[in-house]
């Protein structure tokens, strides 16, 4: 299970399932914690022997990746091949004549809300000849550098004849290799014709297939299906299917089946065309939109299937309105022929004749702004054709033909890559014109009153991707917001309400199951008591404002639902599912739905100081978690009532953990100052040994530096029953202390309270809410000289600070990986060594530092001039400026320093500016769209010439040149027809693909 293509909207797997009745019922076979399983191989004569290629959890680095084997039909599994915590097995094939021989290929892939790794040094092929006991890396002519996704295929005539495909670091076709001796030697197959076959997102493909009756006929799965006939070196288009081909299978009858983003196609021997299979409602809808001019039709925007409209009268007769990746629609209030549709990256297109002709939009509203793949926009309820949209700023337009900006940057700035910092949702009050609320992909929520300033109202909310913001249809100051831990490896449902415009937030997630929430809809005319939540496993509803939630309906599958919409004419709730099409629910049947049961157990979870702990899980079935104040309730009928209560809390592993904790643990060990509380001593035991030693300091240092992603020998939180008394508070491990409370049957609610202990946090600084406000801090400046650099240049960048003013410091120095490659770290100050730093921890584009000054313990800060602390050596991948390429960040190591008294300081970069010439960081084309005057291409200055190539929308090469100039004119005659084109620019190892649109006329 799971999506082995690992796109931006990647969903994790839940192990392997088996059916023995043709798919009517499925039985779980394990590997539920291993994430995405990309391939299964079954021993041809012993079905109890299974092999699984595991890509792993795509959101984090984990050792649960590689190849797994079971010898008992899936009851137990053993990892037989592990390569890297960021690389999983993308493909696996078995020798059908000798099943002791298997081949596995690997791919470096991590996709979170902070990074997207699509290539790495582990793209290799491995072979075993003893059923997985030992593995050998194959070379003999295969690539040895960094590469992307890999795929395998084996001949059915000769199992020693194999093919392997590589996607390169530019996400294009890197190479195709063939062996006829079981992998000892490999020869390269010419794939020049396939260079653009996967555009610039080759990580989405990376598969090959071989004709089972002719192993010289090879198929390459890309944007279209490519075929190399036997005896030929030419590659030909192999099918007339929809775009983005992901699988090709051959039936013994000679039929072939193709899976793509448009569904399933089939081909029979003798046919000239592929035929689409009907009656498969598997469309992945991002959004659904209600058209008040046509309430009998539903509009939806779908992944790679554009904007479509139709209804339940005909699954196969929906009408295509606009191609590409479809998102939202907006309809003119008065004119039924005028509406707007959106495609990927914020392109808004307008029609005034019902979709017969279009005024084409440009990415990100035609601005240079960064914007979301699914950029939010809508038509105001209060003005017939006013549109609002959000890039990283908010814009408005009268009619959608020109846009005016009405906000500054509402994100946290570019802390990671630009794509991770955009506006993700935007809404206007239904009762107050021009009152706007916005949420961002990096966890901020903002409010603007009409013609007023924007106010950050994020305090008290989780630092997670904001999926929806809603203003109450009845109470002007009541707001609702949802967040998702999707891609943050967190499944906690986040639903909050504020009754005072965001000053105070109330957690109303209640008993929602442990799955992310994507949207919320408030049913009008019910005093905001009836709410619907779209989650990654369907739709849930509450009749009491969030106190108790239940699943809505019985027919909707457990699939992601991204968007909810109301059809007031047909009295229906619309749900856009990302896998099973559009669904409706009759709102008139709400009165038939059941009410909430009574309370069986209640209590509170809090810290040693009495502060309530939010989002502590008390029950998994159904999910019950504490509120913002730490309170919880368990209802009669909950499955967990048959067992003891054992609280758990998913958390940021670094919440409350800092170098100052290392200082305090050092003091405790050296007997300078004892920790003095049984809970603080428990917190110091980071390695779970039942004692406090220097090993705990080493464990926490690895965590702070980002070398380890979590505590490996201890839970992040421990919970002690609040009424427990330690026999010896100075030695809490001397006797075992309880960590659970038994549930007893009673007619009255049982009271069960716990004290939570954050492991590693001995000074009690852990946030008890998901995003508690950060107190103001004085700065601890790191001085660095700003300068410009050119592609290929090597840089030594020195960082200096007042070395005597801090007892401890830690930080993440993030660099733009598209501009710089980091080479090494050079400690400069006395007392610093390589153990205080980590270079690209976990493959991230950063350097982390963590050090404490033991000799300053108990002393005071001494003002001193800046001292060179360390230098970082870089090589420039592009021309640019240091100030634009480097920043201090909180991931993976939170940036903080401490005075000897424990008061915090904020590390910041203080740039010593010198005049820096303005350098273009990346190429751009303008105007875009363009007409008869042609196109102008602006290029970054570089020490090497620029290679420029022009492709049409089908990937066919039209024109190419090499230039040392920084501007290049592309005449209109190079573009034969109206439509989309791609301009490719290469400079050394940098590559860009620019989309340009030629308008008709």
Foldseek 3Di string as FASTA:
>chain_A
DWDLLPDLQTDWAQADWDDDPVPPDIDHQDPGQFIDWQDKDAQPVQRQWIKTWTQGNQLAFDQSAEMWIGNGNRNDIDHLDTDGSQKHFNEKDAQNVQRQKMKTFIFRFHHFLFDTDFKDQRGWMWMGNGNRNDIDTFPQPDDRGMFGAKEKEAALVARLWMKMWTQGPQLFTDWIWIGRHNRNHIDTADCPVRRCQAPRNNSSERYKYADRVHRQWIWGFHQFIWIADRPGSDIDGDAPDHTGWHDWDADPQGKIWTQGLVGIWIDHPPDPHIHHDDPAQFWAFQEKDADPVCLQKIWTFTAQAGIWIDDPVDRPPIGHQDGAGWHDKEAFPPQRLWIWTAAFQGKIWIGNGNRPDIDTGDHPRQDPAAAERRWDKYADPVDRAKMWTWGLFIWIDRNSPDIDTDADRQFPPCPHHRNSWIWQEKDDAPVAPPWIWTFIQQQWIWTAHHVGHIDTLRALFARAGKQYKYADNPQRQKIKTWGACVSVPFQQTFIWMDNGNRNDIWTLQFLPASHYWRDKDQDPPLVSQWMWTFTQQAIWIGRGNRNDIDGPDDPDGGGGWHYWDASVVQQWIWTRGRTRGIDIDRNVCVVVDDHDAAFAAKEFEEAPVQQGFWFKFFANQRTWTAINRRITTDGPPGPCLVWWTFIAHDDQQCQQAALVLVLQLVCCVVVVDNLPFLLLQQQQPLQPPLGHDCVSVLQSLCCQQLLDRHRDRDGQKAKAWPPDDQPDGSRSSPDDGDRTGRRDGDPDHHYTYIHMRGRNNSPPRGDSGNRHDDDDAAAFEWEWEKEWDFAFDKDKIWTWTFPQFFQKWKWKKAFHPLWKDWDDKFFDDPPDDPSQKDDCRVVGRIIIGIDGHNVCAPHWGDGDDIDGGMIIMIGTRGIDMVVVTIWIAPPPRHGWTATNVGGIHGYGYDYPYDDYDDWDGAKDKPDAQDEQAFIKIFGTQHPFWKKKWKAQPSGHTQDIDIGNDRMDTDGPVSPPAFAKMWMWIDDPPRIDIDIGTYDHD
